[in-house]
Structures are given as structure tokens and as C-alpha cells.
């Protein structure tokens, strides 16, 4: 997940641009969420909630169990 997605997530949850930029700088490395950082999984889950909703809706109609944690997807 790139820096811009992280920045706009902070803006979308109510931070002004200056604070969102500061938080983004703390959370990204080389302009991406780093693997293994304590903040990365939480931010990935926030950013992907719309994707989760769409995939869950598709799976529920087909009796498929869908789960995701950060970047690990599973369906049964």
C-alpha cells in the first residue's frame, strides 16, 4: 500500500493535511507500508475495508467464507 493511500486514509478519518502527513511519514518506509511494522496491518485493514465489503458480499451469496488479515486472504 503506497504512501498516498495511507495519507488519504488519515485525511478520511478526520486529520488535517499537516497531521496526516506527519502520521504518514511515521508509518511508511520507502513510500510504502513496511512489512512487520505494528502499524501496517491496522492501516492495511482500514484502507481495504471497502474491498472486504465487496468481496464478502460476493462470497456470502455463494456460501463461501472469506477472511483477510492485512495481506493474507483465505476462502473456504
Protein backbone atom coordinates (compact mmCIF):
# COMPACT_ATOMS: atom_id res chain seq x y z
CA UNK A 1 0.00 0.00 0.00
CA UNK A 2 1.60 3.23 -1.10
CA UNK A 3 2.15 6.49 0.74
CA UNK A 4 -0.75 8.31 -0.95
CA UNK A 5 -3.29 5.69 0.15
CA UNK A 6 -2.03 5.96 3.73
CA UNK A 7 -2.13 9.77 3.66
CA UNK A 8 -5.68 9.90 2.32
CA UNK A 9 -6.86 7.34 4.88
CA UNK A 10 -5.67 9.65 7.65
CA UNK A 11 -7.44 12.57 5.95
CA UNK A 12 -10.62 10.49 5.54
CA UNK A 13 -10.73 9.68 9.24
CA UNK A 14 -10.54 13.36 10.10
CA UNK A 15 -6.97 14.55 10.39
CA UNK A 16 -5.94 17.76 8.65
CA UNK A 17 -3.31 17.56 5.92
CA UNK A 18 -0.43 18.56 8.19
CA UNK A 19 -1.17 15.90 10.82
CA UNK A 20 -1.98 13.31 8.13
CA UNK A 21 1.38 13.99 6.51
CA UNK A 22 3.20 13.64 9.83
CA UNK A 23 1.44 10.35 10.65
CA UNK A 24 2.10 9.07 7.14
CA UNK A 25 5.79 9.85 7.48
CA UNK A 26 5.91 7.84 10.69
CA UNK A 27 4.07 4.84 9.18
CA UNK A 28 5.69 4.40 5.74
CA UNK A 29 9.14 3.35 4.63
CA UNK A 30 10.35 3.89 1.06
CA UNK A 31 6.86 5.29 0.28
CA UNK A 32 5.06 2.05 1.23
CA UNK A 33 3.69 0.37 4.32
CA UNK A 34 6.55 -1.78 5.58
CA UNK A 35 6.07 -5.46 6.34
CA UNK A 36 6.22 -6.25 10.02
CA UNK A 37 5.59 -2.76 11.37
CA UNK A 38 2.99 -2.71 14.14
CA UNK A 39 1.02 -0.03 12.29
CA UNK A 40 1.00 -1.69 8.87
CA UNK A 41 -1.60 -4.39 9.45
CA UNK A 42 -4.04 -1.99 11.09
CA UNK A 43 -3.67 0.60 8.32
CA UNK A 44 -4.00 -2.08 5.63
CA UNK A 45 -7.24 -3.24 7.24
CA UNK A 46 -8.60 0.32 7.33
CA UNK A 47 -7.64 1.00 3.74
CA UNK A 48 -9.08 -2.30 2.46
CA UNK A 49 -12.43 -2.21 4.29
CA UNK A 50 -14.38 -1.32 1.12
CA UNK A 51 -12.64 -4.15 -0.76
CA UNK A 52 -13.52 -6.52 2.10
CA UNK A 53 -17.15 -5.47 1.96
CA UNK A 54 -17.38 -6.14 -1.77
CA UNK A 55 -15.60 -9.50 -1.60
CA UNK A 56 -17.66 -10.57 1.43
CA UNK A 57 -20.88 -9.69 -0.37
CA UNK A 58 -19.83 -11.80 -3.36
CA UNK A 59 -18.76 -14.72 -1.16
CA UNK A 60 -21.84 -14.63 1.08
CA UNK A 61 -24.12 -15.05 -1.94
CA UNK A 62 -22.18 -18.18 -2.88
CA UNK A 63 -21.84 -19.73 0.59
CA UNK A 64 -18.09 -19.02 0.68
CA UNK A 65 -16.38 -18.00 3.91
CA UNK A 66 -13.99 -15.09 3.31
CA UNK A 67 -11.41 -13.77 5.76
CA UNK A 68 -8.49 -11.42 5.45
CA UNK A 69 -5.85 -10.16 7.84
CA UNK A 70 -3.65 -7.43 6.39
CA UNK A 71 -2.45 -9.08 3.17
CA UNK A 72 -3.42 -12.70 3.93
CA UNK A 73 -6.58 -13.80 2.12
CA UNK A 74 -8.45 -17.02 2.70
CA UNK A 75 -11.66 -18.52 1.40
CA UNK A 76 -13.27 -21.85 2.19
